[in-house]
Amino acid sequence: MDTVRDVLIWIANNVFGQVAILIGLITLLGLVLQGKRVEDIVGGALRATLGIIILFVGVDLFTGGLSSFQTIVSSAVGLEPPSSENTLDDFLASHGGTVALIITLGFALHVALVRVFRAARYVYLTGHLMFWVSVVITACLVEAFGDLSQPVLVVVGAVLIACYWTLQPLWTRPFMRRVTGRDDFGFGHTTSSLGLITALVARPFGDPERHSTENLKLPRQLSFFKDVNVSTALVIGVILLVAMAFADDQVVAEAAAAYDPAIDPWAWGVIAALRFAGGIAILLYGVRMFLAEIVPAFKGIGDKVVPGTKPALDIPTLFPFAPTAVMLGFVASTATFLVLLGVFAGLGWFTLVPPMIMLFFGGGAGGVFGNAVAGWRGALIGGVLNGVLLAGGQAVTWGMLGGTAPELATLADPDWYFIAWLLIGVGAVVPGVWPIPIAVAALTVGVLAWLSVREGRRERAERVSTGDTTDEAAEAEDGGAPAPAEPATPAEPAKPAASDTAAPARSEEPPRG
């Protein structure tokens, strides 16, 4: 039994926990199943893996700047982060093995659900969030029900996370198609609730065609703002330099010295903004590189292993479709959070910690989803909503996780908060832990069954209307996979600046946004 446990933990840590390896293996399997030539298989798998590596090089480059930015902003507003006797490190030391087992068993259950139900069309492949959502669910179960045994935690956690991974890409699917103009991959990220709320709230406030962020008309003297690299450097530079002016000199000096002991702090501020913009450019290149491989390669898995499925991918895959919306959402998100930080401090409610990484990624996603339904107005609304959710979520959730890992409240995306509120809230009123996974599993199966029946009826109606009644033959040929809900040729999304949309040339690559 210990051997099986060790193997499962090894898989969780070294496959699901290493996104580049996971994406590379998925691409390799998909190309093999399509019967590609050896040189295509090796080249495609390596290009997908390198794309992820390049993506994370970009992420590391600008998140390093965001960490310094967070420290300086906290100093500028004169706040100290909240403290707690329990820490995330302590919790992972005692429950890290449980988290790894939840990931492995949960992914097996997730694939089983996707295989059984035709409507569950996405396989969740955002590896690092597999880990974090497992941590959140484990912490919430311990908060709600005390120290459960490891087998109980693993089974309950695996059921809950499998249902989340299966349903989450589905509720963002209609809006993802507006963002990308196609339906060849889904959105697998814990900002999905923000995307859904933004798309619903922002829709009445603008027109995505007339008001698109990527079609904004600027005076000739400001036309350089249409280059997302230039606008990112300028916007981040201004925000950082203003924050430095109000921050403690020692804090700024330490941040600058960490980069180069000999550099002047103000020169460092300029360099930090430029490095941030460079990191975004590298990230976007990595996204385009691995998308060019994983999307067509996944067709082999969708045809042979889990029929009709597509990959649900990480948040940066949205950014090339509307990079200007990303920046608008980030700025709006950061401004909103800082305003609420001051309000909360003034009223003595809670000392908020500016989570710059979540403000950037969540604000960017809110901007992209908002732009897809309402143009630049929607992008601003999405950013504001992200700031509100992060501020309110942090204040409410810190105390709820005080007995396990309260820092999760400062590292969270919006979905983390909703998961914590639901699990701990329901745990306070149910007599034991088992009703929760049973109810969630039953609800998930019911939703998937209903969606599958509805899809089947729609497909049959479409075949009848076109005079094609060979439903059984079509399903047999397709392995039971659902037919696409829209034409196969993807529409072009609103076109970002040329420097951010050019994809690597591939003769086999499908049309791209």
Protein backbone atom coordinates (compact mmCIF):
# COMPACT_ATOMS: atom_id res chain seq x y z
CA MET A 1 0.00 0.00 0.00
CA ASP A 2 2.86 2.36 0.83
CA THR A 3 4.38 1.66 -2.59
CA VAL A 4 1.17 2.64 -4.37
CA ARG A 5 0.95 5.76 -2.25
CA ASP A 6 4.53 6.70 -3.06
CA VAL A 7 3.95 6.17 -6.79
CA LEU A 8 0.85 8.35 -6.76
CA ILE A 9 2.68 11.11 -4.87
CA TRP A 10 5.59 10.87 -7.34
CA ILE A 11 3.18 11.27 -10.27
CA ALA A 12 1.54 14.27 -8.61
CA ASN A 13 4.85 15.98 -7.91
CA ASN A 14 6.71 15.16 -11.10
CA VAL A 15 3.99 15.10 -13.77
CA PHE A 16 1.00 17.17 -12.64
CA GLY A 17 3.27 19.46 -10.63
CA GLN A 18 5.56 20.15 -13.60
CA VAL A 19 3.48 21.90 -16.24
CA ALA A 20 6.13 21.68 -18.98
CA ILE A 21 6.42 17.91 -18.56
CA LEU A 22 2.63 17.48 -18.43
CA ILE A 23 2.04 19.50 -21.61
CA GLY A 24 4.96 17.80 -23.37
CA LEU A 25 3.64 14.33 -22.55
CA ILE A 26 0.09 15.23 -23.61
CA THR A 27 1.41 16.63 -26.92
CA LEU A 28 3.58 13.54 -27.44
CA LEU A 29 0.65 11.20 -26.81
CA GLY A 30 -1.65 13.17 -29.12
CA LEU A 31 0.85 13.13 -32.01
CA VAL A 32 1.54 9.40 -31.56
CA LEU A 33 -2.18 8.64 -31.62
CA GLN A 34 -2.51 10.62 -34.87
CA GLY A 35 0.18 8.45 -36.46
CA LYS A 36 2.52 11.35 -37.16
CA ARG A 37 6.06 10.80 -38.40
CA VAL A 38 8.80 10.43 -35.78
CA GLU A 39 10.34 13.80 -36.61
CA ASP A 40 6.94 15.50 -36.23
CA ILE A 41 6.31 13.78 -32.91
CA VAL A 42 9.68 14.70 -31.42
CA GLY A 43 9.62 18.25 -32.80
CA GLY A 44 6.03 18.92 -31.76
CA ALA A 45 6.47 17.58 -28.22
CA LEU A 46 9.67 19.56 -27.70
CA ARG A 47 8.20 22.75 -29.11
CA ALA A 48 5.20 22.49 -26.78
CA THR A 49 7.49 21.84 -23.81
CA LEU A 50 9.79 24.71 -24.74
CA GLY A 51 6.77 26.98 -25.17
CA ILE A 52 5.80 26.30 -21.55
CA ILE A 53 9.38 26.85 -20.37
CA ILE A 54 9.51 30.17 -22.27
CA LEU A 55 6.11 31.14 -20.83
CA PHE A 56 7.34 30.58 -17.28
CA VAL A 57 10.60 32.41 -17.96
CA GLY A 58 8.43 35.41 -18.84
CA VAL A 59 6.26 34.84 -15.76
CA ASP A 60 9.32 34.64 -13.49
CA LEU A 61 10.72 37.82 -15.02
CA PHE A 62 7.71 40.02 -14.39
CA THR A 63 6.43 38.36 -11.20
CA GLY A 64 9.81 39.10 -9.62
CA GLY A 65 9.09 42.74 -10.34
CA LEU A 66 5.56 42.38 -9.03
CA SER A 67 6.86 41.04 -5.72
CA SER A 68 9.05 44.13 -5.30
CA PHE A 69 6.12 46.25 -6.46
CA GLN A 70 3.92 44.68 -3.78
CA THR A 71 6.48 45.44 -1.06
CA ILE A 72 6.84 49.06 -2.19
CA VAL A 73 3.07 49.65 -2.46
CA SER A 74 2.56 48.22 1.04
CA SER A 75 5.26 50.56 2.33
CA ALA A 76 3.78 53.53 0.45
CA VAL A 77 0.42 53.09 2.16
CA GLY A 78 2.06 52.39 5.52
CA LEU A 79 0.49 49.00 6.18
CA GLU A 80 1.80 45.77 7.67
CA PRO A 81 0.29 42.45 6.53
CA PRO A 82 -1.91 40.53 8.99
CA SER A 83 -0.29 37.81 11.08
CA SER A 84 -1.35 34.38 12.27
CA GLU A 85 -0.01 31.59 14.46
CA ASN A 86 -0.60 29.01 11.72
CA THR A 87 1.24 29.16 8.41
CA LEU A 88 0.95 27.66 4.96
CA ASP A 89 4.37 26.03 5.33
CA ASP A 90 3.27 24.24 8.50
CA PHE A 91 0.07 23.06 6.85
CA LEU A 92 1.89 21.70 3.79
CA ALA A 93 4.41 19.96 6.05
CA SER A 94 1.58 18.02 7.69
CA HIS A 95 -0.78 17.60 4.71
CA GLY A 96 1.46 17.75 1.63
CA GLY A 97 1.19 14.01 0.95
CA THR A 98 -2.59 14.21 1.17
CA VAL A 99 -2.65 17.07 -1.35
CA ALA A 100 -0.56 15.06 -3.81
CA LEU A 101 -2.84 12.02 -3.51
CA ILE A 102 -5.93 14.19 -4.05
CA ILE A 103 -4.41 15.53 -7.28
CA THR A 104 -3.65 12.07 -8.69
CA LEU A 105 -6.93 10.38 -7.75
CA GLY A 106 -8.91 13.50 -8.62
CA PHE A 107 -7.43 13.65 -12.13
CA ALA A 108 -8.33 9.98 -12.72
CA LEU A 109 -11.94 10.69 -11.66
CA HIS A 110 -11.99 13.84 -13.82
CA VAL A 111 -10.89 11.92 -16.92
CA ALA A 112 -13.52 9.25 -16.17
CA LEU A 113 -16.26 11.90 -16.05
CA VAL A 114 -15.06 13.45 -19.29
CA ARG A 115 -14.95 10.00 -20.92
CA VAL A 116 -18.48 9.03 -19.83
CA PHE A 117 -20.39 12.25 -20.50
CA ARG A 118 -20.31 13.71 -23.99
CA ALA A 119 -21.00 17.23 -22.68
CA ALA A 120 -17.91 17.18 -20.45
CA ARG A 121 -15.61 18.07 -23.31
CA TYR A 122 -12.54 19.57 -21.61
CA VAL A 123 -9.54 17.94 -19.91
CA TYR A 124 -8.11 20.29 -17.27
CA LEU A 125 -4.36 20.76 -17.84
CA THR A 126 -3.39 23.75 -15.66
CA GLY A 127 -0.92 21.80 -13.54
CA HIS A 128 0.07 24.37 -10.90
CA LEU A 129 -3.58 25.13 -10.12
CA MET A 130 -4.24 21.43 -9.67
CA PHE A 131 -1.91 21.74 -6.69
CA TRP A 132 -3.33 24.98 -5.28
CA VAL A 133 -7.00 24.01 -5.57
CA SER A 134 -6.15 20.73 -3.83
CA VAL A 135 -4.50 22.70 -1.03
CA VAL A 136 -7.54 24.99 -0.69
CA ILE A 137 -9.98 22.07 -0.58
CA THR A 138 -7.85 20.17 1.96
CA ALA A 139 -7.54 23.23 4.21
CA CYS A 140 -11.28 23.89 4.03
CA LEU A 141 -12.13 20.29 4.93
CA VAL A 142 -9.80 20.42 7.92
CA GLU A 143 -11.26 23.77 9.01
CA ALA A 144 -14.82 22.48 8.71
CA PHE A 145 -14.43 18.93 10.07
CA GLY A 146 -11.20 18.83 12.06
CA ASP A 147 -8.39 16.34 11.56
CA LEU A 148 -10.01 13.77 9.28
CA SER A 149 -8.04 10.63 8.45
CA GLN A 150 -5.91 10.77 5.32
CA PRO A 151 -8.03 8.21 3.36
CA VAL A 152 -11.18 10.23 4.05
CA LEU A 153 -9.51 13.50 3.07
CA VAL A 154 -8.15 11.96 -0.13
CA VAL A 155 -11.44 10.44 -1.28
CA VAL A 156 -13.58 13.46 -0.40
CA GLY A 157 -11.05 15.92 -1.81
CA ALA A 158 -10.60 13.92 -5.02
CA VAL A 159 -14.35 13.81 -5.67
CA LEU A 160 -14.73 17.55 -5.09
CA ILE A 161 -11.76 18.54 -7.22
CA ALA A 162 -12.71 16.18 -10.05
CA CYS A 163 -16.15 17.78 -10.20
CA TYR A 164 -14.63 21.27 -10.20
CA TRP A 165 -12.13 20.46 -12.97
CA THR A 166 -14.92 18.96 -15.06
CA LEU A 167 -17.51 21.72 -14.68
CA GLN A 168 -15.30 24.82 -14.53
CA PRO A 169 -14.38 25.03 -18.25
CA LEU A 170 -18.03 24.49 -19.19
CA TRP A 171 -19.43 27.57 -17.49
CA THR A 172 -16.87 29.80 -19.22
CA ARG A 173 -17.20 28.10 -22.64
CA PRO A 174 -19.76 30.48 -24.22
CA PHE A 175 -17.61 33.49 -23.37
CA MET A 176 -14.35 31.80 -24.32
CA ARG A 177 -15.76 31.43 -27.83
CA ARG A 178 -16.33 35.18 -27.89
CA VAL A 179 -12.78 35.82 -26.70
CA THR A 180 -10.98 33.49 -29.10
CA GLY A 181 -13.47 33.29 -31.97
CA ARG A 182 -13.14 29.51 -31.97
CA ASP A 183 -13.71 26.43 -29.79
CA ASP A 184 -10.50 24.40 -29.95
CA PHE A 185 -9.44 24.89 -26.32
CA GLY A 186 -11.10 25.84 -23.06
CA PHE A 187 -10.30 28.03 -20.06
CA GLY A 188 -8.84 26.14 -17.11
CA HIS A 189 -8.15 28.65 -14.35
CA THR A 190 -9.42 29.68 -10.95
CA THR A 191 -10.49 33.12 -12.20
CA SER A 192 -13.40 31.47 -14.01
CA SER A 193 -15.99 32.94 -11.64
CA LEU A 194 -14.60 36.40 -12.35
CA GLY A 195 -14.85 35.79 -16.09
CA LEU A 196 -18.43 34.60 -15.75
CA ILE A 197 -19.50 37.50 -13.51
CA THR A 198 -17.74 40.04 -15.74
CA ALA A 199 -19.36 38.71 -18.91
CA LEU A 200 -22.82 38.89 -17.33
CA VAL A 201 -22.42 42.28 -15.62
CA ALA A 202 -20.56 44.13 -18.39
CA ARG A 203 -22.70 43.01 -21.33
CA PRO A 204 -25.18 45.97 -21.27
CA PHE A 205 -22.44 48.62 -21.12
CA GLY A 206 -20.88 48.49 -24.57
CA ASP A 207 -20.49 46.85 -27.94
CA PRO A 208 -17.56 44.45 -28.42
CA GLU A 209 -17.12 45.45 -32.07
CA ARG A 210 -17.43 49.25 -31.85
CA HIS A 211 -15.71 49.58 -28.48
CA SER A 212 -13.04 46.86 -28.71
CA THR A 213 -9.86 47.70 -26.84
CA GLU A 214 -7.83 46.48 -29.80
CA ASN A 215 -9.52 48.98 -32.15
CA LEU A 216 -9.24 52.08 -29.98
CA LYS A 217 -8.47 55.17 -32.01
CA LEU A 218 -5.75 57.28 -30.40
CA PRO A 219 -4.32 60.65 -31.41
CA ARG A 220 -1.25 60.31 -33.60
CA GLN A 221 0.96 61.61 -30.78
CA LEU A 222 -0.23 58.72 -28.53
CA SER A 223 -0.27 56.01 -31.18
CA PHE A 224 2.69 54.29 -29.50
CA PHE A 225 0.24 53.11 -26.79
CA LYS A 226 -1.18 50.65 -29.34
CA ASP A 227 2.06 48.67 -28.94
CA VAL A 228 1.32 46.62 -25.81
CA ASN A 229 5.01 46.35 -24.92
CA VAL A 230 5.40 50.13 -24.91
CA SER A 231 2.14 50.80 -23.07
CA THR A 232 2.97 48.15 -20.44
CA ALA A 233 6.39 49.67 -19.74
CA LEU A 234 4.96 53.19 -19.47
CA VAL A 235 1.94 52.33 -17.30
CA ILE A 236 3.87 50.09 -14.91
CA GLY A 237 6.73 52.58 -14.80
CA VAL A 238 4.46 55.45 -13.78
CA ILE A 239 2.68 53.39 -11.10
CA LEU A 240 5.94 52.06 -9.67
CA LEU A 241 7.74 55.41 -9.62
CA VAL A 242 4.78 57.11 -7.92
CA ALA A 243 4.66 54.34 -5.30
CA MET A 244 8.42 54.71 -4.75
CA ALA A 245 7.97 58.42 -4.06
CA PHE A 246 5.72 57.61 -1.08
CA ALA A 247 7.43 54.42 0.14
CA ASP A 248 10.06 54.15 2.86
CA ASP A 249 13.51 54.91 1.42
CA GLN A 250 15.02 51.86 3.09
CA VAL A 251 12.41 49.55 1.56
CA VAL A 252 13.07 50.97 -1.91
CA ALA A 253 16.84 50.76 -1.43
CA GLU A 254 16.61 47.10 -0.41
CA ALA A 255 14.50 46.26 -3.46
CA ALA A 256 16.99 48.00 -5.74
CA ALA A 257 20.00 46.37 -4.04
CA ALA A 258 18.47 42.94 -4.54
CA TYR A 259 18.73 43.58 -8.28
CA ASP A 260 22.13 45.33 -8.28
CA PRO A 261 23.88 46.70 -5.16
CA ALA A 262 25.40 49.55 -7.19
CA ILE A 263 22.26 50.80 -8.94
CA ASP A 264 20.40 53.97 -7.99
CA PRO A 265 16.85 53.17 -6.74
CA TRP A 266 15.21 55.43 -9.33
CA ALA A 267 17.19 53.83 -12.15
CA TRP A 268 16.10 50.47 -10.77
CA GLY A 269 12.48 51.61 -10.91
CA VAL A 270 12.81 52.31 -14.64
CA ILE A 271 14.59 48.99 -15.25
CA ALA A 272 11.93 47.12 -13.24
CA ALA A 273 9.17 48.53 -15.44
CA LEU A 274 11.07 47.59 -18.60
CA ARG A 275 11.72 44.07 -17.26
CA PHE A 276 8.02 43.72 -16.49
CA ALA A 277 7.15 44.61 -20.10
CA GLY A 278 9.85 42.25 -21.37
CA GLY A 279 8.42 39.45 -19.24
CA ILE A 280 4.97 39.96 -20.75
CA ALA A 281 6.43 39.83 -24.28
CA ILE A 282 8.25 36.58 -23.48
CA LEU A 283 5.10 35.12 -21.90
CA LEU A 284 3.02 35.90 -25.01
CA TYR A 285 5.61 34.29 -27.28
CA GLY A 286 5.64 31.15 -25.13
CA VAL A 287 1.84 30.99 -25.19
CA ARG A 288 1.72 31.19 -28.98
CA MET A 289 4.46 28.56 -29.29
CA PHE A 290 2.85 25.90 -27.11
CA LEU A 291 -0.70 26.61 -28.37
CA ALA A 292 0.53 26.01 -31.93
CA GLU A 293 1.45 22.47 -30.83
CA ILE A 294 -0.94 21.39 -28.05
CA VAL A 295 -4.19 22.31 -29.83
CA PRO A 296 -3.66 20.27 -33.02
CA ALA A 297 -1.87 17.48 -31.11
CA PHE A 298 -4.76 17.12 -28.65
CA LYS A 299 -6.95 16.03 -31.56
CA GLY A 300 -5.32 12.59 -31.28
CA ILE A 301 -6.47 12.27 -27.68
CA GLY A 302 -9.88 13.70 -28.57
CA ASP A 303 -10.27 11.10 -31.33
CA LYS A 304 -8.77 7.98 -29.73
CA VAL A 305 -8.57 8.14 -25.91
CA VAL A 306 -11.22 10.54 -24.58
CA PRO A 307 -13.45 11.15 -27.61
CA GLY A 308 -14.54 14.68 -28.42
CA THR A 309 -12.37 16.37 -25.79
CA LYS A 310 -10.23 19.48 -25.91
CA PRO A 311 -7.64 20.90 -23.49
CA ALA A 312 -8.58 23.43 -20.82
CA LEU A 313 -5.54 25.69 -20.53
CA ASP A 314 -3.98 28.33 -18.30
CA ILE A 315 -4.89 32.02 -18.15
CA PRO A 316 -2.04 33.38 -20.34
CA THR A 317 -3.63 31.68 -23.35
CA LEU A 318 -6.23 34.49 -23.29
CA PHE A 319 -3.78 37.36 -23.41
CA PRO A 320 -2.73 37.34 -27.11
CA PHE A 321 -6.36 37.83 -28.14
CA ALA A 322 -6.70 41.24 -26.45
CA PRO A 323 -3.42 42.47 -24.93
CA THR A 324 -4.68 46.04 -24.54
CA ALA A 325 -7.65 44.72 -22.55
CA VAL A 326 -5.19 42.89 -20.30
CA MET A 327 -3.45 46.15 -19.42
CA LEU A 328 -6.73 48.05 -18.89
CA GLY A 329 -8.03 45.30 -16.64
CA PHE A 330 -4.81 45.21 -14.62
CA VAL A 331 -4.73 48.97 -14.07
CA ALA A 332 -8.43 49.08 -13.11
CA SER A 333 -7.99 46.09 -10.80
CA THR A 334 -4.97 47.59 -9.04
CA ALA A 335 -6.59 51.02 -8.63
CA THR A 336 -9.77 49.46 -7.21
CA PHE A 337 -7.86 47.29 -4.74
CA LEU A 338 -5.75 50.22 -3.52
CA VAL A 339 -8.87 52.34 -2.97
CA LEU A 340 -10.46 49.53 -0.96
CA LEU A 341 -7.21 49.03 0.93
CA GLY A 342 -7.46 52.61 2.13
CA VAL A 343 -11.17 52.27 2.94
CA PHE A 344 -10.68 49.06 4.93
CA ALA A 345 -7.73 50.52 6.85
CA GLY A 346 -9.59 53.76 7.58
CA LEU A 347 -12.58 51.87 8.96
CA GLY A 348 -10.39 49.45 10.90
CA TRP A 349 -11.80 46.39 9.13
CA PHE A 350 -8.77 44.53 7.82
CA THR A 351 -5.22 45.16 6.66
CA LEU A 352 -5.23 44.13 3.00
CA VAL A 353 -2.08 42.88 1.28
CA PRO A 354 -1.83 44.03 -2.37
CA PRO A 355 -1.59 40.69 -4.29
CA MET A 356 0.05 42.10 -7.40
CA ILE A 357 0.32 38.77 -9.23
CA MET A 358 -3.39 38.06 -8.78
CA LEU A 359 -4.24 41.65 -9.62
CA PHE A 360 -2.34 41.28 -12.89
CA PHE A 361 -3.58 37.86 -14.01
CA GLY A 362 -7.10 38.24 -12.66
CA GLY A 363 -7.37 41.83 -13.83
CA GLY A 364 -6.06 40.78 -17.24
CA ALA A 365 -8.59 37.96 -17.50
CA GLY A 366 -11.41 40.23 -16.37
CA GLY A 367 -10.30 42.73 -19.00
CA VAL A 368 -10.29 40.13 -21.77
CA PHE A 369 -13.71 38.69 -20.86
CA GLY A 370 -15.15 42.17 -20.41
CA ASN A 371 -13.76 43.29 -23.76
CA ALA A 372 -15.33 40.26 -25.44
CA VAL A 373 -18.83 41.36 -24.42
CA ALA A 374 -18.61 45.15 -24.05
CA GLY A 375 -15.30 46.46 -25.41
CA TRP A 376 -13.07 48.76 -23.35
CA ARG A 377 -15.89 49.55 -20.94
CA GLY A 378 -16.24 45.86 -20.18
CA ALA A 379 -12.46 45.57 -19.74
CA LEU A 380 -12.56 48.27 -17.08
CA ILE A 381 -15.56 46.64 -15.38
CA GLY A 382 -13.74 43.29 -15.33
CA GLY A 383 -10.73 44.88 -13.69
CA VAL A 384 -12.85 46.64 -11.08
CA LEU A 385 -14.69 43.42 -10.26
CA ASN A 386 -11.40 41.58 -9.79
CA GLY A 387 -10.19 44.25 -7.38
CA VAL A 388 -13.43 44.05 -5.40
CA LEU A 389 -13.40 40.24 -5.24
CA LEU A 390 -9.75 40.08 -4.17
CA ALA A 391 -10.18 42.75 -1.48
CA GLY A 392 -13.44 41.39 -0.08
CA GLY A 393 -12.29 37.79 -0.41
CA GLN A 394 -9.04 38.45 1.40
CA ALA A 395 -10.77 40.19 4.30
CA VAL A 396 -13.43 37.50 4.73
CA THR A 397 -11.35 34.38 4.08
CA TRP A 398 -8.27 35.12 6.22
CA GLY A 399 -10.15 34.38 9.44
CA MET A 400 -11.97 31.39 7.96
CA LEU A 401 -8.62 29.69 7.26
CA GLY A 402 -6.97 30.90 10.46
CA GLY A 403 -6.59 27.37 11.85
CA THR A 404 -4.80 25.96 8.81
CA ALA A 405 -3.24 28.24 6.16
CA PRO A 406 -4.54 31.82 6.30
CA GLU A 407 -1.95 32.97 3.72
CA LEU A 408 -4.09 31.25 1.10
CA ALA A 409 -6.41 34.25 1.40
CA THR A 410 -3.65 36.55 0.11
CA LEU A 411 -2.60 34.18 -2.69
CA ALA A 412 -6.10 33.50 -3.93
CA ASP A 413 -7.99 33.87 -7.17
CA PRO A 414 -11.77 34.44 -6.98
CA ASP A 415 -12.65 30.73 -7.34
CA TRP A 416 -10.61 29.94 -4.22
CA TYR A 417 -12.81 32.24 -2.19
CA PHE A 418 -16.06 30.76 -3.48
CA ILE A 419 -14.77 27.22 -2.82
CA ALA A 420 -13.75 28.18 0.74
CA TRP A 421 -17.01 29.96 1.51
CA LEU A 422 -19.12 27.08 0.21
CA LEU A 423 -17.18 24.25 1.87
CA ILE A 424 -16.72 25.92 5.25
CA GLY A 425 -20.25 27.36 5.22
CA VAL A 426 -21.89 24.04 4.35
CA GLY A 427 -19.57 22.22 6.75
CA ALA A 428 -20.98 24.31 9.59
CA VAL A 429 -24.51 22.94 9.07
CA VAL A 430 -24.12 19.33 7.85
CA PRO A 431 -23.61 16.52 10.40
CA GLY A 432 -20.52 15.03 8.76
CA VAL A 433 -18.22 15.26 5.78
CA TRP A 434 -19.74 12.61 3.50
CA PRO A 435 -22.94 14.45 2.50
CA ILE A 436 -20.80 17.07 0.75
CA PRO A 437 -19.01 14.87 -1.83
CA ILE A 438 -22.17 12.81 -2.37
CA ALA A 439 -24.25 15.92 -3.07
CA VAL A 440 -21.58 17.52 -5.28
CA ALA A 441 -21.07 14.30 -7.25
CA ALA A 442 -24.82 13.83 -7.72
CA LEU A 443 -25.23 17.44 -8.86
CA THR A 444 -22.29 17.13 -11.27
CA VAL A 445 -23.56 13.90 -12.79
CA GLY A 446 -27.05 15.37 -13.10
CA VAL A 447 -25.80 18.50 -14.85
CA LEU A 448 -23.55 16.54 -17.20
CA ALA A 449 -26.33 14.06 -18.03
CA TRP A 450 -28.77 16.89 -18.76
CA LEU A 451 -26.24 18.72 -20.94
CA SER A 452 -25.39 15.51 -22.79
CA VAL A 453 -29.05 14.72 -23.51
CA ARG A 454 -29.63 18.28 -24.67
CA GLU A 455 -26.62 18.13 -27.00
CA GLY A 456 -27.78 14.80 -28.40
CA ARG A 457 -31.25 16.17 -29.14
CA ARG A 458 -29.84 19.26 -30.79
CA GLU A 459 -27.52 17.21 -32.99
CA ARG A 460 -30.34 14.88 -34.04
CA ALA A 461 -32.55 17.87 -34.85
CA GLU A 462 -29.75 19.37 -36.95
CA ARG A 463 -29.28 16.11 -38.84
CA VAL A 464 -33.00 15.79 -39.49
CA SER A 465 -33.16 19.36 -40.75
CA THR A 466 -30.31 18.67 -43.16
CA GLY A 467 -31.72 15.32 -44.26
CA ASP A 468 -28.94 13.31 -42.57
CA THR A 469 -30.49 10.57 -40.40
CA THR A 470 -27.38 8.44 -39.96
CA ASP A 471 -27.04 9.43 -36.33
CA GLU A 472 -25.73 6.08 -35.13
CA ALA A 473 -23.18 5.84 -37.90
CA ALA A 474 -21.96 9.35 -37.24
CA GLU A 475 -21.57 8.69 -33.53
CA ALA A 476 -19.79 5.41 -34.16
CA GLU A 477 -17.35 7.11 -36.49
CA ASP A 478 -16.80 9.92 -33.99
CA GLY A 479 -16.37 7.58 -31.03
CA GLY A 480 -19.46 9.01 -29.37
CA ALA A 481 -18.04 12.52 -29.39
CA PRO A 482 -20.37 15.49 -29.69
CA ALA A 483 -20.35 17.40 -32.91
CA PRO A 484 -19.01 20.92 -32.72
CA ALA A 485 -21.61 23.49 -31.85
CA GLU A 486 -20.37 25.85 -34.51
CA PRO A 487 -18.61 25.67 -37.89
CA ALA A 488 -15.11 24.24 -37.84
CA THR A 489 -13.49 27.28 -39.42
CA PRO A 490 -12.73 29.68 -36.58
CA ALA A 491 -13.55 33.31 -36.84
CA GLU A 492 -10.80 35.87 -36.41
CA PRO A 493 -10.92 37.64 -33.03
CA ALA A 494 -10.35 41.34 -32.69
CA LYS A 495 -6.80 41.75 -33.88
CA PRO A 496 -4.16 42.93 -31.39
CA ALA A 497 -1.03 44.79 -32.38
CA ALA A 498 0.96 42.92 -34.99
CA SER A 499 3.94 42.44 -32.69
CA ASP A 500 1.75 40.44 -30.28
CA THR A 501 -0.17 38.23 -32.65
CA ALA A 502 2.34 36.77 -35.03
CA ALA A 503 2.47 33.03 -34.40
CA PRO A 504 5.31 30.73 -35.37
CA ALA A 505 4.87 29.62 -38.98
CA ARG A 506 3.64 26.05 -39.19
CA SER A 507 2.24 24.46 -42.31
CA GLU A 508 0.02 22.20 -40.19
CA GLU A 509 -1.18 24.90 -37.78
CA PRO A 510 -4.93 25.63 -37.83
CA PRO A 511 -6.12 29.21 -38.34
CA ARG A 512 -5.21 31.26 -35.27
CA GLY A 513 -6.41 34.39 -33.58
